[in-house]
Protein backbone atom coordinates (compact mmCIF):
# COMPACT_ATOMS: atom_id res chain seq x y z
CA ARG A 1 131.16 57.21 130.28
CA GLY A 2 131.20 54.21 127.95
CA LEU A 3 129.75 54.49 124.47
CA GLY A 4 128.49 50.94 124.63
CA GLY A 5 125.39 49.47 123.03
CA CYS A 6 121.88 50.16 124.24
CA ALA A 7 118.53 49.12 122.77
CA ALA A 8 117.55 51.51 119.99
CA PRO A 9 114.51 53.70 120.50
CA PRO A 10 111.82 53.35 117.80
CA ALA A 11 112.39 55.12 114.47
CA ALA A 12 109.84 57.77 115.44
CA GLY A 13 112.40 58.86 118.02
CA MET A 14 114.85 59.65 115.21
CA GLU A 15 113.45 63.14 114.53
CA GLU A 16 113.47 63.96 118.19
CA LEU A 17 116.96 62.58 118.71
CA LEU A 18 118.36 64.58 115.77
CA SER A 19 116.77 67.84 116.86
CA ARG A 20 118.16 67.27 120.37
CA SER A 21 121.68 66.16 119.35
CA VAL A 22 122.48 68.47 116.45
CA PRO A 23 123.32 71.86 117.97
CA PRO A 24 121.79 74.89 116.23
CA LEU A 25 124.29 77.29 114.71
CA PRO A 26 124.43 80.14 117.27
CA PRO A 27 124.15 83.71 115.92
CA TYR A 28 127.44 85.00 114.50
CA GLU A 29 127.74 87.65 117.24
CA THR A 30 127.63 85.06 120.05
CA LYS A 31 129.56 82.28 118.30
CA GLU A 32 132.45 82.43 120.78
CA LYS A 33 130.14 82.51 123.80
CA ALA A 34 127.66 79.81 122.78
CA PRO A 35 127.39 77.14 125.48
CA PRO A 36 128.70 73.78 124.32
CA PRO A 37 125.86 71.24 124.03
CA ALA A 38 125.63 68.77 126.87
CA GLU A 39 128.09 65.91 126.51
CA LEU A 40 125.22 63.57 127.36
CA ARG A 41 123.44 64.50 124.13
CA SER A 42 126.41 63.51 122.00
CA ALA A 43 126.75 60.25 123.94
CA GLU A 44 123.02 59.65 123.45
CA PHE A 45 123.48 60.06 119.68
CA VAL A 46 126.31 57.49 119.72
CA ARG A 47 124.18 55.00 121.68
CA TYR A 48 121.19 55.48 119.40
CA TYR A 49 123.31 55.10 116.26
CA ARG A 50 125.12 52.00 117.47
CA GLY A 51 121.78 50.52 118.49
CA LEU A 52 120.58 50.71 114.88
CA GLU A 53 121.31 47.80 112.59
CA ALA A 54 123.95 48.38 109.92
CA GLY A 55 122.41 48.96 106.49
CA PRO A 56 119.04 50.67 105.80
CA PRO A 57 118.28 51.87 109.39
CA ARG A 58 121.63 53.69 109.67
CA ALA A 59 121.41 54.87 106.08
CA GLN A 60 118.03 56.44 106.85
CA LEU A 61 119.45 58.35 109.82
CA LEU A 62 122.49 59.55 107.83
CA ALA A 63 120.28 60.69 104.95
CA ARG A 64 118.08 62.72 107.35
CA LEU A 65 121.11 64.23 109.04
CA ALA A 66 122.61 65.28 105.68
CA ARG A 67 119.38 66.65 104.24
CA ASP A 68 117.78 68.43 107.18
CA PHE A 69 120.77 69.61 109.22
CA GLY A 70 123.00 71.16 106.59
CA VAL A 71 123.55 74.78 105.66
CA ASP A 72 120.91 77.49 106.08
CA HIS A 73 120.65 78.46 102.41
CA GLY A 74 118.69 81.62 103.18
CA ARG A 75 121.46 82.91 105.42
CA VAL A 76 124.14 82.01 102.84
CA ALA A 77 122.30 83.95 100.13
CA GLU A 78 121.83 86.95 102.45
CA PHE A 79 125.53 87.12 103.40
CA SER A 80 126.76 86.44 99.85
CA ALA A 81 124.81 89.54 98.83
CA LYS A 82 126.46 91.51 101.63
CA VAL A 83 129.94 90.45 100.46
CA LEU A 84 129.10 91.59 96.90
CA GLN A 85 127.70 94.85 98.26
CA ALA A 86 130.85 95.55 100.31
CA GLN A 87 132.94 94.88 97.20
CA GLU A 88 130.84 97.06 94.90
CA GLN A 89 130.79 99.94 97.35
CA GLN A 90 134.56 99.53 97.69
CA ARG A 91 134.30 99.75 101.44
CA GLU A 92 137.45 99.54 103.50
CA ALA A 93 139.17 96.15 103.77
CA GLY A 94 137.93 95.57 107.35
CA ALA A 95 134.26 95.70 106.33
CA LEU A 96 134.80 93.36 103.38
CA LEU A 97 136.78 90.87 105.49
CA GLN A 98 134.10 90.88 108.17
CA ALA A 99 131.36 90.29 105.60
CA GLU A 100 133.40 87.38 104.24
CA ASP A 101 133.94 85.99 107.73
CA ARG A 102 130.17 86.04 108.38
CA LEU A 103 129.53 84.26 105.07
CA ARG A 104 132.19 81.68 105.93
CA TYR A 105 130.53 81.13 109.30
CA TYR A 106 127.07 80.53 107.79
CA LEU A 107 128.53 78.14 105.20
CA ASN A 108 129.06 75.67 108.07
CA PRO A 109 126.45 72.91 107.98
CA ARG A 110 124.78 72.23 111.33
CA TYR A 111 125.89 68.58 111.40
CA ARG A 112 129.47 69.83 111.52
CA GLY A 113 128.77 71.00 115.07
CA LEU A 114 127.57 67.50 115.99
CA PHE A 115 130.73 65.91 114.51
CA GLN A 116 132.88 68.38 116.43
CA HIS A 117 131.24 67.50 119.73
CA LEU A 118 131.43 63.78 118.98
CA GLY A 119 135.15 64.15 118.24
CA ARG A 120 135.67 65.48 121.77
CA LEU A 121 133.99 62.55 123.51
CA GLU A 122 136.12 59.74 124.85
CA GLY A 123 135.99 57.11 122.09
CA GLY A 124 134.28 59.69 119.86
CA LEU A 125 136.96 59.80 117.17
CA ARG A 126 136.78 56.03 116.71
CA PHE A 127 132.98 56.37 116.44
CA LEU A 128 133.27 59.07 113.72
CA VAL A 129 135.59 56.80 111.71
CA GLU A 130 132.93 54.05 111.99
CA LEU A 131 130.19 56.46 110.95
CA ARG A 132 132.18 57.63 107.92
CA GLY A 133 132.80 53.95 107.08
CA ASP A 134 129.00 53.51 106.90
CA LEU A 135 128.75 56.62 104.69
CA VAL A 136 131.45 55.38 102.29
CA GLU A 137 129.85 51.92 102.17
CA GLY A 138 126.37 53.40 101.62
CA LEU A 139 127.59 55.60 98.76
CA ALA A 140 129.45 52.68 97.16
CA THR A 141 126.41 50.36 97.28
CA LYS A 142 123.99 53.18 96.35
CA ALA A 143 122.09 52.61 99.63
CA LEU A 144 122.85 56.31 100.15
CA ASP A 145 122.84 58.81 97.34
CA GLY A 146 122.26 62.41 96.41
CA PRO A 147 124.15 65.70 96.72
CA HIS A 148 123.42 66.23 100.44
CA VAL A 149 124.96 62.90 101.48
CA LYS A 150 127.97 63.42 99.20
CA GLU A 151 128.47 66.86 100.71
CA MET A 152 128.29 65.50 104.27
CA ASN A 153 130.76 62.75 103.36
CA GLY A 154 133.17 65.42 102.06
CA VAL A 155 132.77 67.59 105.18
CA LEU A 156 133.47 64.64 107.49
CA LYS A 157 136.42 63.53 105.35
CA ASN A 158 137.98 67.00 105.66
CA MET A 159 137.44 67.01 109.42
CA LEU A 160 139.06 63.58 109.75
CA SER A 161 141.96 64.76 107.55
CA GLU A 162 142.67 67.46 110.12
CA TRP A 163 142.27 65.15 113.11
CA PHE A 164 144.44 62.47 111.49
CA SER A 165 147.24 64.76 110.31
CA THR A 166 150.81 63.60 110.91
CA GLY A 167 151.27 65.40 114.23
CA PHE A 168 148.72 63.07 115.84
CA LEU A 169 150.01 59.84 114.29
CA ASN A 170 152.50 57.42 115.82
CA LEU A 171 154.62 55.10 113.72
CA GLU A 172 154.78 51.60 115.22
CA ARG A 173 156.72 48.56 114.07
CA VAL A 174 155.10 45.13 114.23
CA THR A 175 157.18 42.12 115.25
CA TRP A 176 156.28 38.58 116.26
CA GLN A 177 156.42 39.88 119.85
CA SER A 178 153.65 42.46 119.19
CA PRO A 179 150.31 41.89 120.98
CA CYS A 180 148.25 39.08 119.50
CA GLU A 181 145.30 41.43 118.70
CA VAL A 182 147.59 43.68 116.66
CA LEU A 183 148.94 40.73 114.63
CA GLN A 184 145.37 39.51 114.10
CA LYS A 185 144.23 42.95 112.89
CA ILE A 186 147.21 43.27 110.53
CA SER A 187 146.44 39.82 109.14
CA ASP A 188 142.71 40.54 108.72
CA SER A 189 143.26 43.88 107.01
CA GLU A 190 145.82 42.67 104.45
CA ALA A 191 144.06 43.64 101.22
CA VAL A 192 146.78 43.00 98.63
CA HIS A 193 148.24 39.56 99.40
CA PRO A 194 145.96 37.74 101.89
CA VAL A 195 147.72 36.14 104.87
CA ARG A 196 147.21 32.36 104.78
CA ASN A 197 147.98 31.37 108.37
CA TRP A 198 150.09 32.19 111.42
CA VAL A 199 153.26 30.77 109.83
CA ASP A 200 152.75 33.15 106.94
CA MET A 201 152.14 36.05 109.36
CA LYS A 202 155.30 35.20 111.30
CA ARG A 203 157.26 35.30 108.04
CA ARG A 204 155.89 38.77 107.18
CA VAL A 205 157.16 40.28 110.42
CA GLY A 206 160.35 38.17 110.64
CA SER A 207 163.86 38.54 109.28
CA TYR A 208 164.39 40.47 106.02
CA ARG A 209 160.87 41.90 106.52
CA ARG A 210 159.52 45.01 108.19
CA CYS A 211 155.93 45.86 108.96
CA TYR A 212 154.85 49.29 110.21
CA PHE A 213 151.57 50.98 110.95
CA PHE A 214 150.23 54.36 111.96
CA SER A 215 148.09 54.64 115.09
CA HIS A 216 146.41 57.79 116.41
CA CYS A 217 147.06 59.26 119.85
CA ALA A 218 143.30 59.11 120.62
CA ILE A 219 143.05 55.46 119.47
CA PRO A 220 146.38 54.01 120.71
CA GLY A 221 147.60 50.63 119.47
CA GLU A 222 144.96 50.47 116.72
CA PRO A 223 146.50 50.03 113.23
CA LEU A 224 144.97 52.57 110.82
CA ILE A 225 147.14 51.89 107.77
CA VAL A 226 149.78 49.18 107.39
CA LEU A 227 152.89 48.99 105.20
CA HIS A 228 154.82 45.77 104.53
CA VAL A 229 158.45 45.94 103.38
CA ALA A 230 160.81 43.26 102.08
CA LEU A 231 164.55 43.86 102.52
CA THR A 232 166.38 42.42 99.51
CA SER A 233 169.53 42.67 97.44
CA ASP A 234 167.74 43.76 94.25
CA ILE A 235 164.44 45.13 92.97
CA SER A 236 162.04 42.19 93.13
CA SER A 237 160.18 41.20 89.99
CA SER A 238 157.92 38.57 91.54
CA ILE A 239 155.71 38.50 94.61
CA GLN A 240 156.04 34.72 95.01
CA ALA A 241 159.62 35.21 96.21
CA ILE A 242 158.37 37.63 98.88
CA VAL A 243 155.23 35.98 100.24
CA LYS A 244 155.61 32.30 99.34
CA GLU A 245 159.20 31.15 99.68
CA PRO A 246 160.28 29.62 103.00
CA PRO A 247 162.11 32.06 105.26
CA PRO A 248 165.89 32.24 105.02
CA LEU A 249 168.04 31.74 108.12
CA GLU A 250 166.62 33.69 111.01
CA THR A 251 169.46 36.17 111.42
CA GLU A 252 169.69 38.97 108.91
CA ASP A 253 172.93 39.50 107.06
CA THR A 254 172.83 43.28 106.70
CA ASP A 255 175.50 43.18 103.96
CA LYS A 256 172.93 41.50 101.71
CA ILE A 257 170.36 44.26 102.20
CA THR A 258 170.61 47.08 99.67
CA THR A 259 166.98 47.49 98.67
CA ALA A 260 163.64 48.09 100.37
CA ILE A 261 160.57 46.80 98.52
CA PHE A 262 157.18 48.15 99.61
CA TYR A 263 154.95 45.27 98.62
CA SER A 264 151.69 46.02 100.36
CA ILE A 265 149.92 49.02 101.83
CA SER A 266 146.46 48.54 103.34
CA LEU A 267 144.01 50.87 105.02
CA THR A 268 142.34 49.05 107.91
CA GLN A 269 139.47 51.55 108.36
CA GLN A 270 137.05 52.20 105.52
CA GLY A 271 136.10 55.44 107.27
CA LEU A 272 139.56 56.89 106.53
CA GLN A 273 139.29 56.44 102.76
CA GLY A 274 140.56 59.55 101.00
CA VAL A 275 142.36 60.80 104.13
CA GLU A 276 146.02 61.26 103.14
CA LEU A 277 147.80 58.61 105.25
CA GLY A 278 149.65 56.38 102.78
CA THR A 279 151.97 59.07 101.49
CA TYR A 280 153.04 60.07 105.01
CA LEU A 281 153.49 56.45 106.04
CA ILE A 282 155.85 55.71 103.13
CA LYS A 283 157.89 58.86 103.88
CA ARG A 284 158.16 58.02 107.58
CA VAL A 285 159.14 54.41 106.89
CA VAL A 286 161.86 55.52 104.44
CA LYS A 287 163.33 57.71 107.21
CA GLU A 288 163.08 54.87 109.71
CA LEU A 289 164.85 52.43 107.36
CA GLN A 290 167.58 54.95 106.51
CA LYS A 291 168.27 55.29 110.22
CA GLU A 292 168.27 51.53 110.88
CA LEU A 293 169.97 50.38 107.64
CA PRO A 294 171.89 53.32 106.13
CA GLN A 295 173.32 51.03 103.41
CA ILE A 296 169.91 50.79 101.66
CA LYS A 297 170.24 52.58 98.33
CA ASP A 298 167.10 51.59 96.44
CA PHE A 299 163.49 52.13 97.45
CA SER A 300 160.86 50.58 95.21
CA THR A 301 157.40 49.07 95.29
CA LEU A 302 156.20 45.81 93.80
CA SER A 303 152.64 46.85 93.08
CA PRO A 304 149.48 45.18 91.81
CA ILE A 305 147.69 46.50 88.71
CA PRO A 306 144.02 46.17 89.69
CA GLY A 307 141.59 46.60 86.82
CA PHE A 308 143.95 45.69 83.97
CA THR A 309 142.19 42.42 83.01
CA LYS A 310 138.79 44.10 83.12
CA TRP A 311 140.06 46.93 80.90
CA LEU A 312 141.57 44.43 78.44
CA VAL A 313 138.39 42.33 78.22
CA GLY A 314 136.51 45.60 77.60
CA LEU A 315 138.85 46.38 74.69
CA LEU A 316 138.38 42.91 73.24
CA SER A 317 134.60 43.45 73.38
CA SER A 318 134.54 46.95 71.96
CA SER A 319 132.56 47.53 68.77
CA GLN A 320 135.70 48.98 67.22
CA THR A 321 137.39 45.58 67.53
CA LYS A 322 134.39 43.78 66.01
CA GLU A 323 134.24 46.07 62.96
CA LEU A 324 137.87 45.53 62.15
CA GLY A 325 137.47 41.76 62.05
CA ARG A 326 141.05 40.95 63.00
CA ASN A 327 141.89 42.30 66.35
CA GLU A 328 143.86 45.53 66.16
CA LEU A 329 145.45 44.90 69.58
CA PHE A 330 147.71 42.19 68.18
CA THR A 331 150.00 41.98 65.18
CA GLU A 332 149.02 39.77 62.25
CA SER A 333 151.38 36.97 63.29
CA GLU A 334 150.46 37.17 67.00
CA TRP A 335 146.77 36.86 66.17
CA GLN A 336 147.44 33.92 63.87
CA GLU A 337 149.22 32.06 66.68
CA ILE A 338 146.55 32.96 69.22
CA SER A 339 143.69 31.76 67.01
CA GLU A 340 145.55 28.52 66.24
CA ILE A 341 145.87 27.80 69.96
CA THR A 342 142.30 28.83 70.85
CA GLY A 343 140.79 27.37 67.68
CA ASP A 344 138.77 30.56 67.26
CA SER A 345 139.42 33.42 64.85
CA THR A 346 137.19 35.78 66.90
CA THR A 347 138.08 37.15 70.33
CA GLU A 348 135.28 35.23 72.12
CA THR A 349 137.37 32.27 73.30
CA LEU A 350 140.25 34.49 74.40
CA LYS A 351 137.81 36.64 76.42
CA LYS A 352 136.39 33.52 78.09
CA LEU A 353 139.89 32.26 78.92
CA LEU A 354 140.76 35.64 80.45
CA ASN A 355 137.57 35.77 82.49
CA ASN A 356 138.05 32.33 84.03
CA ASN A 357 141.88 32.39 84.38
CA GLU A 358 142.14 29.28 82.15
CA TRP A 359 144.65 30.76 79.68
CA VAL A 360 147.52 30.32 82.16
CA ARG A 361 147.19 26.54 81.87
CA SER A 362 148.40 26.66 78.30
CA GLU A 363 152.17 27.19 78.14
CA LYS A 364 151.88 28.08 74.45
CA LEU A 365 149.28 30.75 75.11
CA VAL A 366 151.29 32.24 77.99
CA LYS A 367 154.27 32.46 75.66
CA VAL A 368 152.47 34.10 72.75
CA LEU A 369 150.55 36.57 74.96
CA HIS A 370 153.70 37.74 76.76
CA SER A 371 154.67 40.46 74.25
CA PRO A 372 151.22 41.88 73.44
CA PHE A 373 150.08 41.88 77.08
CA MET A 374 153.24 43.65 78.24
CA ARG A 375 152.74 46.52 75.79
CA LEU A 376 148.99 46.68 76.47
CA CYS A 377 149.71 46.85 80.18
CA ALA A 378 152.28 49.62 79.65
CA TRP A 379 149.68 51.58 77.72
CA TYR A 380 147.02 50.93 80.38
CA LEU A 381 149.33 52.30 83.10
CA TYR A 382 150.92 55.14 81.14
CA GLY A 383 148.36 56.14 78.53
CA GLU A 384 144.89 55.54 80.01
CA LYS A 385 143.78 58.63 81.91
CA HIS A 386 141.08 59.87 84.25
CA ARG A 387 140.87 63.69 84.21
CA GLY A 388 144.41 63.77 82.84
CA TYR A 389 145.92 61.59 85.60
CA ALA A 390 146.68 57.85 85.53
CA LEU A 391 143.43 55.87 85.44
CA ASN A 392 144.89 53.07 87.55
CA PRO A 393 144.45 54.08 91.22
CA VAL A 394 147.69 52.45 92.44
CA ALA A 395 149.70 54.13 89.68
CA ASN A 396 148.07 57.46 90.46
CA PHE A 397 148.91 57.11 94.18
CA HIS A 398 152.62 56.36 93.65
CA LEU A 399 153.04 58.93 90.85
CA GLN A 400 151.50 61.60 93.09
CA ASN A 401 154.14 60.65 95.67
CA GLY A 402 156.85 61.34 93.10
CA SER A 403 157.89 57.83 92.11
CA VAL A 404 158.99 56.69 88.63
CA MET A 405 157.07 54.01 86.70
CA TRP A 406 160.09 51.78 86.50
CA ARG A 407 159.44 48.21 85.34
CA ILE A 408 156.52 46.01 84.33
CA ASN A 409 157.01 42.38 85.35
CA TRP A 410 155.53 39.38 83.52
CA MET A 411 154.01 36.56 85.64
CA ALA A 412 154.96 38.40 88.81
CA ASP A 413 151.82 37.35 90.72
CA THR A 414 150.63 33.90 89.68
CA SER A 415 148.02 33.64 92.45
CA PRO A 416 144.41 33.28 91.21
CA ARG A 417 143.82 36.86 92.41
CA GLY A 418 146.84 38.19 90.53
CA ILE A 419 145.88 36.40 87.31
CA ALA A 420 142.26 37.59 87.58
CA ALA A 421 143.13 41.23 88.31
CA SER A 422 146.11 41.88 86.04
CA CYS A 423 146.93 38.76 83.99
CA GLY A 424 149.64 38.04 86.56
CA MET A 425 151.58 41.26 85.90
CA MET A 426 152.95 43.64 88.54
CA VAL A 427 154.87 46.90 88.34
CA ASN A 428 157.72 48.51 90.24
CA TYR A 429 157.33 52.19 91.10
CA ARG A 430 160.77 53.37 92.08
CA TYR A 431 161.41 56.17 94.57
CA PHE A 432 164.56 58.15 93.77
CA LEU A 433 164.54 60.17 96.97
CA GLU A 434 166.32 63.23 95.56
CA ASP A 435 163.73 63.51 92.74
CA THR A 436 160.43 62.66 94.43
CA ALA A 437 159.48 66.28 95.19
CA SER A 438 160.09 67.50 91.63
CA ASN A 439 158.46 64.40 90.06
CA SER A 440 155.41 64.83 92.26
CA ALA A 441 155.13 68.52 91.36
CA ALA A 442 155.45 67.73 87.64
CA TYR A 443 152.79 65.02 87.81
CA LEU A 444 150.32 67.07 89.84
CA GLY A 445 151.02 70.28 87.92
CA THR A 446 151.42 69.22 84.29
CA LYS A 447 150.19 65.59 84.53
CA GLN A 448 153.57 64.39 83.32
CA ILE A 449 154.42 60.74 84.10
CA LYS A 450 158.07 59.93 84.78
CA ALA A 451 158.79 56.49 83.34
CA SER A 452 161.82 54.31 82.59
CA GLU A 453 163.18 53.26 79.19
CA GLN A 454 161.49 49.85 79.52
CA VAL A 455 158.05 51.35 80.06
CA LEU A 456 158.44 54.01 77.35
CA SER A 457 159.67 51.47 74.83
CA LEU A 458 156.65 49.20 75.54
CA VAL A 459 154.36 52.24 75.16
CA SER A 460 155.83 53.08 71.78
CA GLN A 461 155.51 49.43 70.64
CA PHE A 462 151.84 49.66 71.60
CA GLN A 463 151.41 52.88 69.63
CA GLN A 464 153.02 51.34 66.56
CA SER A 465 151.05 48.10 66.54
CA SER A 466 147.62 49.32 67.71
CA LYS A 467 145.19 51.66 66.09
CA LEU A 468 143.20 52.63 69.18
């Protein structure tokens, strides 16, 4: 019963295929007794879909599925009215609850039935993750758009969140002895600090390093999300020391290990975006490390700050900055030094140097930008918000998990990627295990960010010297 490839029928067959594969919603009264649709139909849908080329042909099918096989709006309106009626007539609780149950039933889109049947096929869960990957990609590139597609994406995400909840996930550790395909997948999916070669990969799973991933019981051995950990004697302030330096002696001296640094977390499947896996993975790995190395006292990340450079260049370009003549982001004396080095009293040259990474070649410029960039970065992480939460996605993730914004590190990632994304800066989010639950509740509830003295002092420097 393989779900392998098979030549795709012509597009005219799409209508027919969809009406055959998407089960109708049976009447409420017979919902328990409805015969399950033939397994062959679900398998036929998989074959048809995989036979379509990625891109527009699949997007067309997904758009049709979302638009024409959703909720029966007439039924929803009818049963909403019945719920209101039961409430107004103050009928007994049983009648109201049953009216609500009927409404809930008819709020199910028809395509949900298809996804449910696909999830039961052998290999079906993997296929649904692929299909959601195409949805996420299509929405990101605008190849797919509109409320129906967004709704279907949300429905499938919620279904995957249930199917990929912690009870179904296995924690696996990667070592140099792990199967070659697993090492290859871990290497290919590394999104934060790309793996250069096999020597580099061997280092990342060798001594003073740990690498773990979650797999799912229905897709065994397949890494879904990967976490890399460095075991150190202090909280690292630079990624070069973790991913570039030659490995120490092979055998670990456990006396030297007091700290675990989470330096990279990568989702390997685009289709699982938005499904809560990272939080659980960090919690499980902390438990695992406490069991293996009970002497570890400190748990911290060394995290990238994606989007900082872009935000900064945006500030330098803003009309506000132009009106004020001298840039309000810098003090009088800082700006004087900067313009002497760049030979330009406007922000144009500085913007160019930031966009092409050239500023790092000038030792003088690196020195004079150190102070202003540190406080700007602190403000970007702590003060810039999206709906009241941290604008930066990495910050938002770790703060939701209950960490503390602990230290901003200058020139912590000097790779071209690090300079381009965040002017070479990185940040430690520190996990004080006894406080994570209360920190997380405070952040989610009152949008309060827990931060260290260093971060708060940089934020107040920013507030004093900038008039944003």
